[in-house]
């Protein structure tokens, strides 16, 4: 995987930019890494005025507690995937 190669080269100090496509690829990889870290560490839940506010990275949603019909326990990180 090319993205993994970029990251390894950056960490070891052997990365050399010789073409625009390498810079573009590096930019895309860094944006994806930052986005995933933002999603992972920026996820939280707050209960305010009878609502659950869910934040995950740039996404935010609100659920009214009294409208919840059932709760299902799941054991996976991506609980929204069925």
N, C-alpha and C. Protein backbone atom coordinates (compact mmCIF):
# COMPACT_ATOMS: atom_id res chain seq x y z
N UNK A 1 0.84 -1.17 0.00
CA UNK A 1 0.00 0.00 0.00
C UNK A 1 0.89 1.24 0.00
N UNK A 2 0.65 2.13 -0.92
CA UNK A 2 1.47 3.32 -1.10
C UNK A 2 1.40 4.26 0.10
N UNK A 3 0.23 4.40 0.69
CA UNK A 3 0.06 5.30 1.83
C UNK A 3 0.93 4.85 3.00
N UNK A 4 0.98 3.56 3.24
CA UNK A 4 1.81 3.02 4.31
C UNK A 4 3.28 3.29 4.06
N UNK A 5 3.69 3.23 2.80
CA UNK A 5 5.07 3.51 2.44
C UNK A 5 5.42 4.96 2.76
N UNK A 6 4.52 5.89 2.43
CA UNK A 6 4.75 7.30 2.75
C UNK A 6 4.95 7.50 4.24
N UNK A 7 4.07 6.90 5.03
CA UNK A 7 4.14 7.08 6.48
C UNK A 7 5.44 6.52 7.03
N UNK A 8 5.84 5.35 6.58
CA UNK A 8 7.09 4.73 7.04
C UNK A 8 8.28 5.59 6.63
N UNK A 9 8.29 6.09 5.40
CA UNK A 9 9.38 6.94 4.94
C UNK A 9 9.46 8.23 5.76
N UNK A 10 8.32 8.80 6.10
CA UNK A 10 8.31 10.03 6.90
C UNK A 10 8.88 9.75 8.28
N UNK A 11 8.44 8.65 8.89
CA UNK A 11 8.90 8.31 10.24
C UNK A 11 10.38 7.98 10.29
N UNK A 12 10.91 7.39 9.23
CA UNK A 12 12.33 7.02 9.22
C UNK A 12 13.21 8.13 8.66
N UNK A 13 12.61 9.19 8.13
CA UNK A 13 13.39 10.30 7.60
C UNK A 13 13.94 10.09 6.22
N UNK A 14 13.45 9.09 5.49
CA UNK A 14 13.96 8.81 4.15
C UNK A 14 13.03 9.30 3.05
N UNK A 15 12.01 10.05 3.40
CA UNK A 15 11.04 10.52 2.42
C UNK A 15 11.63 11.65 1.59
N UNK A 16 11.48 11.56 0.27
CA UNK A 16 11.95 12.60 -0.63
C UNK A 16 10.83 12.93 -1.61
N UNK A 17 10.52 14.22 -1.71
CA UNK A 17 9.48 14.65 -2.63
C UNK A 17 10.15 14.97 -3.96
N UNK A 18 9.85 14.20 -4.99
CA UNK A 18 10.45 14.45 -6.29
C UNK A 18 9.42 14.75 -7.38
N UNK A 19 8.14 14.60 -7.07
CA UNK A 19 7.08 14.85 -8.03
C UNK A 19 5.88 15.44 -7.32
N UNK A 20 5.08 16.18 -8.06
CA UNK A 20 3.85 16.75 -7.50
C UNK A 20 2.92 15.65 -7.01
N UNK A 21 2.87 14.54 -7.72
CA UNK A 21 1.97 13.45 -7.32
C UNK A 21 2.35 12.90 -5.96
N UNK A 22 3.63 12.90 -5.64
CA UNK A 22 4.04 12.45 -4.31
C UNK A 22 3.53 13.41 -3.23
N UNK A 23 3.60 14.70 -3.52
CA UNK A 23 3.09 15.69 -2.56
C UNK A 23 1.58 15.55 -2.40
N UNK A 24 0.89 15.35 -3.50
CA UNK A 24 -0.56 15.19 -3.45
C UNK A 24 -0.92 13.93 -2.67
N UNK A 25 -0.21 12.85 -2.94
CA UNK A 25 -0.45 11.60 -2.21
C UNK A 25 -0.19 11.76 -0.72
N UNK A 26 0.89 12.45 -0.39
CA UNK A 26 1.21 12.69 1.02
C UNK A 26 0.11 13.53 1.68
N UNK A 27 -0.37 14.55 0.98
CA UNK A 27 -1.44 15.39 1.51
C UNK A 27 -2.69 14.57 1.78
N UNK A 28 -3.07 13.73 0.84
CA UNK A 28 -4.27 12.90 1.00
C UNK A 28 -4.11 11.96 2.19
N UNK A 29 -2.95 11.34 2.32
CA UNK A 29 -2.70 10.43 3.43
C UNK A 29 -2.79 11.17 4.76
N UNK A 30 -2.18 12.34 4.84
CA UNK A 30 -2.22 13.11 6.09
C UNK A 30 -3.64 13.55 6.44
N UNK A 31 -4.41 13.96 5.43
CA UNK A 31 -5.80 14.36 5.68
C UNK A 31 -6.61 13.18 6.21
N UNK A 32 -6.43 12.01 5.64
CA UNK A 32 -7.15 10.82 6.09
C UNK A 32 -6.74 10.45 7.52
N UNK A 33 -5.45 10.51 7.81
CA UNK A 33 -4.98 10.18 9.16
C UNK A 33 -5.55 11.15 10.18
N UNK A 34 -5.50 12.45 9.89
CA UNK A 34 -6.05 13.46 10.80
C UNK A 34 -7.55 13.24 10.99
N UNK A 35 -8.27 12.96 9.91
CA UNK A 35 -9.71 12.74 10.01
C UNK A 35 -10.02 11.53 10.90
N UNK A 36 -9.30 10.43 10.71
CA UNK A 36 -9.54 9.23 11.52
C UNK A 36 -9.21 9.48 12.99
N UNK A 37 -8.13 10.19 13.25
CA UNK A 37 -7.79 10.51 14.64
C UNK A 37 -8.85 11.43 15.26
N UNK A 38 -9.35 12.38 14.48
CA UNK A 38 -10.40 13.28 14.95
C UNK A 38 -11.66 12.49 15.29
N UNK A 39 -12.00 11.53 14.43
CA UNK A 39 -13.17 10.69 14.68
C UNK A 39 -12.97 9.85 15.94
N UNK A 40 -11.79 9.26 16.09
CA UNK A 40 -11.52 8.35 17.21
C UNK A 40 -11.51 9.11 18.54
N UNK A 41 -10.74 10.20 18.61
CA UNK A 41 -10.57 10.91 19.88
C UNK A 41 -11.62 12.00 20.08
N UNK A 42 -12.36 12.34 19.05
CA UNK A 42 -13.36 13.40 19.16
C UNK A 42 -14.76 12.88 19.30
N UNK A 43 -14.91 11.64 19.76
CA UNK A 43 -16.24 11.06 19.94
C UNK A 43 -16.65 11.18 21.40
N UNK A 44 -17.88 11.70 21.61
CA UNK A 44 -18.36 11.84 22.97
C UNK A 44 -19.87 11.98 23.02
N UNK A 45 -20.40 11.77 24.19
CA UNK A 45 -21.84 11.81 24.41
C UNK A 45 -22.12 12.73 25.58
N UNK A 46 -23.14 13.60 25.44
CA UNK A 46 -23.52 14.51 26.50
C UNK A 46 -25.04 14.46 26.65
N UNK A 47 -25.50 14.43 27.89
CA UNK A 47 -26.94 14.47 28.14
C UNK A 47 -27.29 15.86 28.66
N UNK A 48 -28.18 16.55 27.92
CA UNK A 48 -28.59 17.91 28.27
C UNK A 48 -30.08 18.06 27.98
N UNK A 49 -30.82 18.51 28.97
CA UNK A 49 -32.25 18.82 28.80
C UNK A 49 -33.04 17.69 28.14
N UNK A 50 -32.82 16.46 28.58
CA UNK A 50 -33.58 15.33 28.05
C UNK A 50 -33.16 14.88 26.66
N UNK A 51 -31.97 15.29 26.23
CA UNK A 51 -31.46 14.89 24.92
C UNK A 51 -30.05 14.33 25.07
N UNK A 52 -29.73 13.39 24.20
CA UNK A 52 -28.36 12.89 24.11
C UNK A 52 -27.72 13.56 22.90
N UNK A 53 -26.64 14.29 23.13
CA UNK A 53 -25.91 14.92 22.04
C UNK A 53 -24.70 14.05 21.75
N UNK A 54 -24.61 13.59 20.51
CA UNK A 54 -23.53 12.69 20.09
C UNK A 54 -22.62 13.45 19.14
N UNK A 55 -21.34 13.50 19.47
CA UNK A 55 -20.36 14.14 18.60
C UNK A 55 -19.29 13.12 18.25
N UNK A 56 -18.96 13.08 16.97
CA UNK A 56 -17.90 12.20 16.48
C UNK A 56 -17.18 12.94 15.36
N UNK A 57 -16.03 13.51 15.70
CA UNK A 57 -15.31 14.32 14.73
C UNK A 57 -16.16 15.49 14.30
N UNK A 58 -16.34 15.68 12.99
CA UNK A 58 -17.11 16.81 12.51
C UNK A 58 -18.62 16.59 12.55
N UNK A 59 -19.04 15.40 12.93
CA UNK A 59 -20.46 15.05 12.90
C UNK A 59 -21.10 15.23 14.27
N UNK A 60 -22.36 15.68 14.26
CA UNK A 60 -23.10 15.88 15.50
C UNK A 60 -24.55 15.50 15.26
N UNK A 61 -25.12 14.78 16.20
CA UNK A 61 -26.53 14.44 16.11
C UNK A 61 -27.13 14.49 17.52
N UNK A 62 -28.44 14.65 17.58
CA UNK A 62 -29.14 14.74 18.85
C UNK A 62 -30.29 13.73 18.86
N UNK A 63 -30.44 13.05 20.00
CA UNK A 63 -31.53 12.08 20.17
C UNK A 63 -32.33 12.50 21.40
N UNK A 64 -33.64 12.63 21.24
CA UNK A 64 -34.52 12.95 22.36
C UNK A 64 -34.72 11.66 23.16
N UNK A 65 -34.39 11.71 24.44
CA UNK A 65 -34.38 10.50 25.27
C UNK A 65 -35.76 9.85 25.33
N UNK A 66 -36.82 10.59 25.48
CA UNK A 66 -38.15 9.99 25.63
C UNK A 66 -38.66 9.37 24.33
N UNK A 67 -37.98 9.60 23.21
CA UNK A 67 -38.37 8.98 21.94
C UNK A 67 -37.65 7.65 21.69
N UNK A 68 -36.76 7.25 22.59
CA UNK A 68 -36.04 5.98 22.44
C UNK A 68 -37.00 4.84 22.72
N UNK A 69 -37.14 3.92 21.76
CA UNK A 69 -38.07 2.79 21.89
C UNK A 69 -37.39 1.55 22.48
N UNK A 70 -36.13 1.29 22.07
CA UNK A 70 -35.39 0.15 22.61
C UNK A 70 -33.90 0.43 22.51
N UNK A 71 -33.14 -0.31 23.30
CA UNK A 71 -31.68 -0.19 23.32
C UNK A 71 -31.10 -1.59 23.09
N UNK A 72 -30.13 -1.68 22.23
CA UNK A 72 -29.51 -2.96 21.91
C UNK A 72 -28.02 -2.88 22.23
N UNK A 73 -27.52 -3.83 22.99
CA UNK A 73 -26.11 -3.89 23.34
C UNK A 73 -25.34 -4.54 22.19
N UNK A 74 -24.28 -3.88 21.74
CA UNK A 74 -23.43 -4.42 20.68
C UNK A 74 -21.98 -4.41 21.15
N UNK A 75 -21.17 -5.27 20.54
CA UNK A 75 -19.75 -5.37 20.90
C UNK A 75 -18.86 -5.12 19.70
N UNK A 76 -19.03 -3.98 19.07
CA UNK A 76 -18.15 -3.63 17.96
C UNK A 76 -17.97 -2.12 17.95
N UNK A 77 -16.84 -1.68 17.43
CA UNK A 77 -16.55 -0.25 17.40
C UNK A 77 -17.50 0.51 16.49
N UNK A 78 -17.88 -0.09 15.39
CA UNK A 78 -18.79 0.56 14.45
C UNK A 78 -20.20 0.06 14.70
N UNK A 79 -20.81 0.52 15.77
CA UNK A 79 -22.10 -0.01 16.19
C UNK A 79 -23.21 0.33 15.21
N UNK A 80 -23.00 1.30 14.33
CA UNK A 80 -24.02 1.65 13.36
C UNK A 80 -24.03 0.71 12.16
N UNK A 81 -23.01 -0.15 12.04
CA UNK A 81 -22.93 -1.11 10.94
C UNK A 81 -23.66 -2.39 11.37
N UNK A 82 -24.59 -2.85 10.57
CA UNK A 82 -25.37 -4.04 10.96
C UNK A 82 -24.76 -5.28 10.41
